[in-house]
Amino acid sequence: MELDSVDIKILEMLLEDGRETLSAIADEVGLSSSGVRRRIKNLERENVIKGYTAKVDPEKAGYDIVAFLNVDVEPSEVRRVASVLARCNGVCEVHKTTGDHGLIAKYRAEDRGVISNFVEDRVSTYQGVRDVTITVAMETYKEELLDI
């Protein structure tokens, strides 16, 4: 599906406020409310919009520490380890990467001890995991799923 400028504007408005009214979006993009509704339904049907959730400030929710886990994995185990990591509480993202590691996971926790325990007691014990290095973020300047 190719997005046009109206679709992009609708997405921008929904990213800013997922509860924006159809009439407010319609006024902004120059369509009727029913036209906007059709556009949004099409974006949902094409999985451009995958759902609607609340934006939670991780720090205010008690998840003050963010760490990136560089996971060195046997090539034959990458998909399985990625799948297991993706189901773990606190894991926000899992990516297959180029370079020495194979996977990188973004993990949020209440404190450094939780991260250490997660890596030592869980991740490092997964079949196919050769090594895990942890990089802790000192400060986050921007964190968005998508900023159009």
C-alpha atoms as a PDB file:
ATOM      1  CA  MET A   1       0.000   0.000   0.000  1.00  0.00           C
ATOM      2  CA  GLU A   2       1.349   3.376  -0.965  1.00  0.00           C
ATOM      3  CA  LEU A   3       0.496   6.212   1.405  1.00  0.00           C
ATOM      4  CA  ASP A   4      -0.447   9.633   0.097  1.00  0.00           C
ATOM      5  CA  SER A   5      -0.109  12.962   1.896  1.00  0.00           C
ATOM      6  CA  VAL A   6      -3.605  12.683   3.416  1.00  0.00           C
ATOM      7  CA  ASP A   7      -2.820   9.241   4.855  1.00  0.00           C
ATOM      8  CA  ILE A   8       0.441  10.599   6.302  1.00  0.00           C
ATOM      9  CA  LYS A   9      -1.374  13.555   7.904  1.00  0.00           C
ATOM     10  CA  ILE A  10      -3.986  11.223   9.409  1.00  0.00           C
ATOM     11  CA  LEU A  11      -1.200   9.046  10.833  1.00  0.00           C
ATOM     12  CA  GLU A  12       0.616  12.097  12.221  1.00  0.00           C
ATOM     13  CA  MET A  13      -2.539  13.244  13.993  1.00  0.00           C
ATOM     14  CA  LEU A  14      -3.273   9.784  15.412  1.00  0.00           C
ATOM     15  CA  LEU A  15       0.330   9.415  16.592  1.00  0.00           C
ATOM     16  CA  GLU A  16       0.010  12.741  18.392  1.00  0.00           C
ATOM     17  CA  ASP A  17      -3.369  11.840  19.917  1.00  0.00           C
ATOM     18  CA  GLY A  18      -4.858   8.410  19.267  1.00  0.00           C
ATOM     19  CA  ARG A  19      -8.218   9.674  20.554  1.00  0.00           C
ATOM     20  CA  GLU A  20      -8.457  12.528  18.042  1.00  0.00           C
ATOM     21  CA  THR A  21     -12.003  12.874  16.710  1.00  0.00           C
ATOM     22  CA  LEU A  22     -12.878  12.064  13.122  1.00  0.00           C
ATOM     23  CA  SER A  23     -14.278  15.561  12.679  1.00  0.00           C
ATOM     24  CA  ALA A  24     -11.045  17.215  13.867  1.00  0.00           C
ATOM     25  CA  ILE A  25      -9.009  15.046  11.496  1.00  0.00           C
ATOM     26  CA  ALA A  26     -11.493  15.744   8.689  1.00  0.00           C
ATOM     27  CA  ASP A  27     -11.172  19.503   9.229  1.00  0.00           C
ATOM     28  CA  GLU A  28      -7.378  19.254   9.097  1.00  0.00           C
ATOM     29  CA  VAL A  29      -7.127  17.072   5.972  1.00  0.00           C
ATOM     30  CA  GLY A  30     -10.082  18.481   4.023  1.00  0.00           C
ATOM     31  CA  LEU A  31     -12.218  15.342   3.910  1.00  0.00           C
ATOM     32  CA  SER A  32     -15.599  14.442   5.376  1.00  0.00           C
ATOM     33  CA  SER A  33     -15.700  12.459   8.617  1.00  0.00           C
ATOM     34  CA  SER A  34     -16.885   9.421   6.670  1.00  0.00           C
ATOM     35  CA  GLY A  35     -13.967   9.863   4.243  1.00  0.00           C
ATOM     36  CA  VAL A  36     -11.536   9.909   7.173  1.00  0.00           C
ATOM     37  CA  ARG A  37     -13.237   6.861   8.685  1.00  0.00           C
ATOM     38  CA  ARG A  38     -12.780   4.989   5.375  1.00  0.00           C
ATOM     39  CA  ARG A  39      -9.109   6.010   5.217  1.00  0.00           C
ATOM     40  CA  ILE A  40      -8.484   4.859   8.801  1.00  0.00           C
ATOM     41  CA  LYS A  41     -10.301   1.544   8.212  1.00  0.00           C
ATOM     42  CA  ASN A  42      -8.153   0.981   5.120  1.00  0.00           C
ATOM     43  CA  LEU A  43      -4.969   1.773   7.094  1.00  0.00           C
ATOM     44  CA  GLU A  44      -6.100  -0.739   9.737  1.00  0.00           C
ATOM     45  CA  ARG A  45      -6.996  -3.383   7.134  1.00  0.00           C
ATOM     46  CA  GLU A  46      -3.547  -2.993   5.508  1.00  0.00           C
ATOM     47  CA  ASN A  47      -1.887  -3.238   8.980  1.00  0.00           C
ATOM     48  CA  VAL A  48      -0.350   0.215   8.674  1.00  0.00           C
ATOM     49  CA  ILE A  49      -2.236   0.914  11.900  1.00  0.00           C
ATOM     50  CA  LYS A  50      -1.754  -2.164  14.065  1.00  0.00           C
ATOM     51  CA  GLY A  51      -3.801  -1.033  17.041  1.00  0.00           C
ATOM     52  CA  TYR A  52      -4.305   1.710  19.579  1.00  0.00           C
ATOM     53  CA  THR A  53      -2.550   1.899  22.925  1.00  0.00           C
ATOM     54  CA  ALA A  54      -1.816   4.333  25.710  1.00  0.00           C
ATOM     55  CA  LYS A  55       1.568   6.061  25.731  1.00  0.00           C
ATOM     56  CA  VAL A  56       3.139   5.330  29.103  1.00  0.00           C
ATOM     57  CA  ASP A  57       6.142   7.202  30.465  1.00  0.00           C
ATOM     58  CA  PRO A  58       8.424   4.289  31.454  1.00  0.00           C
ATOM     59  CA  GLU A  59      10.234   6.285  34.134  1.00  0.00           C
ATOM     60  CA  LYS A  60       7.001   7.409  35.803  1.00  0.00           C
ATOM     61  CA  ALA A  61       5.839   3.767  35.707  1.00  0.00           C
ATOM     62  CA  GLY A  62       8.983   2.765  37.626  1.00  0.00           C
ATOM     63  CA  TYR A  63      11.100   1.493  34.714  1.00  0.00           C
ATOM     64  CA  ASP A  64      13.942   3.977  35.137  1.00  0.00           C
ATOM     65  CA  ILE A  65      16.754   1.980  33.544  1.00  0.00           C
ATOM     66  CA  VAL A  66      17.071   1.149  29.860  1.00  0.00           C
ATOM     67  CA  ALA A  67      19.682  -1.308  28.672  1.00  0.00           C
ATOM     68  CA  PHE A  68      20.641  -2.684  25.301  1.00  0.00           C
ATOM     69  CA  LEU A  69      21.541  -6.355  25.373  1.00  0.00           C
ATOM     70  CA  ASN A  70      23.938  -7.368  22.627  1.00  0.00           C
ATOM     71  CA  VAL A  71      23.334 -11.089  22.325  1.00  0.00           C
ATOM     72  CA  ASP A  72      25.900 -13.242  20.536  1.00  0.00           C
ATOM     73  CA  VAL A  73      23.876 -16.175  19.205  1.00  0.00           C
ATOM     74  CA  GLU A  74      24.642 -19.281  17.173  1.00  0.00           C
ATOM     75  CA  PRO A  75      23.334 -18.520  13.650  1.00  0.00           C
ATOM     76  CA  SER A  76      21.007 -21.526  13.709  1.00  0.00           C
ATOM     77  CA  GLU A  77      19.367 -20.288  16.933  1.00  0.00           C
ATOM     78  CA  VAL A  78      18.798 -16.601  16.109  1.00  0.00           C
ATOM     79  CA  ARG A  79      15.074 -16.844  15.297  1.00  0.00           C
ATOM     80  CA  ARG A  80      14.301 -19.055  18.294  1.00  0.00           C
ATOM     81  CA  VAL A  81      16.226 -16.850  20.755  1.00  0.00           C
ATOM     82  CA  ALA A  82      14.635 -13.726  19.263  1.00  0.00           C
ATOM     83  CA  SER A  83      11.195 -15.282  19.710  1.00  0.00           C
ATOM     84  CA  VAL A  84      11.888 -16.153  23.347  1.00  0.00           C
ATOM     85  CA  LEU A  85      13.261 -12.674  24.087  1.00  0.00           C
ATOM     86  CA  ALA A  86      10.266 -11.020  22.418  1.00  0.00           C
ATOM     87  CA  ARG A  87       7.931 -12.710  24.913  1.00  0.00           C
ATOM     88  CA  CYS A  88       9.854 -11.565  28.014  1.00  0.00           C
ATOM     89  CA  ASN A  89       8.472  -8.827  30.247  1.00  0.00           C
ATOM     90  CA  GLY A  90      10.620  -5.718  30.059  1.00  0.00           C
ATOM     91  CA  VAL A  91      11.887  -6.439  26.554  1.00  0.00           C
ATOM     92  CA  CYS A  92      10.718  -3.545  24.392  1.00  0.00           C
ATOM     93  CA  GLU A  93      12.465  -4.379  21.132  1.00  0.00           C
ATOM     94  CA  VAL A  94      14.412  -7.248  19.563  1.00  0.00           C
ATOM     95  CA  HIS A  95      16.426  -6.808  16.360  1.00  0.00           C
ATOM     96  CA  LYS A  96      18.586  -9.067  14.230  1.00  0.00           C
ATOM     97  CA  THR A  97      21.760  -7.128  13.475  1.00  0.00           C
ATOM     98  CA  THR A  98      24.880  -7.196  11.392  1.00  0.00           C
ATOM     99  CA  GLY A  99      28.222  -7.458  13.116  1.00  0.00           C
ATOM    100  CA  ASP A 100      29.433  -9.593  15.967  1.00  0.00           C
ATOM    101  CA  HIS A 101      26.310 -10.172  18.033  1.00  0.00           C
ATOM    102  CA  GLY A 102      23.367 -11.324  15.980  1.00  0.00           C
ATOM    103  CA  LEU A 103      20.656  -9.803  18.196  1.00  0.00           C
ATOM    104  CA  ILE A 104      20.161  -6.598  20.108  1.00  0.00           C
ATOM    105  CA  ALA A 105      17.331  -6.236  22.622  1.00  0.00           C
ATOM    106  CA  LYS A 106      16.119  -3.102  24.340  1.00  0.00           C
ATOM    107  CA  TYR A 107      15.226  -3.907  27.934  1.00  0.00           C
ATOM    108  CA  ARG A 108      13.609  -1.669  30.566  1.00  0.00           C
ATOM    109  CA  ALA A 109      13.796  -2.404  34.276  1.00  0.00           C
ATOM    110  CA  GLU A 110      13.350  -0.904  37.711  1.00  0.00           C
ATOM    111  CA  ASP A 111      17.059  -1.023  38.526  1.00  0.00           C
ATOM    112  CA  ARG A 112      20.423  -2.422  37.423  1.00  0.00           C
ATOM    113  CA  GLY A 113      20.006  -5.526  39.609  1.00  0.00           C
ATOM    114  CA  VAL A 114      16.924  -6.599  37.677  1.00  0.00           C
ATOM    115  CA  ILE A 115      18.853  -6.266  34.414  1.00  0.00           C
ATOM    116  CA  SER A 116      21.789  -8.251  35.790  1.00  0.00           C
ATOM    117  CA  ASN A 117      19.514 -11.036  37.044  1.00  0.00           C
ATOM    118  CA  PHE A 118      17.613 -11.148  33.751  1.00  0.00           C
ATOM    119  CA  VAL A 119      20.828 -11.558  31.772  1.00  0.00           C
ATOM    120  CA  GLU A 120      22.576 -13.979  34.142  1.00  0.00           C
ATOM    121  CA  ASP A 121      19.600 -16.145  35.103  1.00  0.00           C
ATOM    122  CA  ARG A 122      17.694 -16.141  31.830  1.00  0.00           C
ATOM    123  CA  VAL A 123      19.233 -14.791  28.636  1.00  0.00           C
ATOM    124  CA  SER A 124      22.691 -16.293  29.104  1.00  0.00           C
ATOM    125  CA  THR A 125      21.113 -19.708  29.749  1.00  0.00           C
ATOM    126  CA  TYR A 126      19.170 -19.853  26.472  1.00  0.00           C
ATOM    127  CA  GLN A 127      20.347 -22.576  24.104  1.00  0.00           C
ATOM    128  CA  GLY A 128      22.533 -21.038  21.403  1.00  0.00           C
ATOM    129  CA  VAL A 129      23.491 -17.903  23.356  1.00  0.00           C
ATOM    130  CA  ARG A 130      27.278 -17.598  23.425  1.00  0.00           C
ATOM    131  CA  ASP A 131      27.645 -14.244  25.182  1.00  0.00           C
ATOM    132  CA  VAL A 132      25.673 -11.194  26.291  1.00  0.00           C
ATOM    133  CA  THR A 133      27.067  -7.705  26.722  1.00  0.00           C
ATOM    134  CA  ILE A 134      25.024  -4.989  28.366  1.00  0.00           C
ATOM    135  CA  THR A 135      25.060  -1.306  27.472  1.00  0.00           C
ATOM    136  CA  VAL A 136      23.124   0.878  29.921  1.00  0.00           C
ATOM    137  CA  ALA A 137      21.748   4.168  28.631  1.00  0.00           C
ATOM    138  CA  MET A 138      22.824   7.119  30.740  1.00  0.00           C
ATOM    139  CA  GLU A 139      20.145   9.453  29.381  1.00  0.00           C
ATOM    140  CA  THR A 140      17.429   9.220  26.718  1.00  0.00           C
ATOM    141  CA  TYR A 141      16.912  12.232  24.491  1.00  0.00           C
ATOM    142  CA  LYS A 142      14.224  10.770  22.235  1.00  0.00           C
ATOM    143  CA  GLU A 143      12.148   7.613  22.386  1.00  0.00           C
ATOM    144  CA  GLU A 144       9.234   7.164  20.007  1.00  0.00           C
ATOM    145  CA  LEU A 145       7.951   4.170  18.079  1.00  0.00           C
ATOM    146  CA  LEU A 146       7.596   6.294  14.964  1.00  0.00           C
ATOM    147  CA  ASP A 147       7.892   9.994  14.380  1.00  0.00           C
ATOM    148  CA  ILE A 148       6.711  10.996  10.916  1.00  0.00           C
END
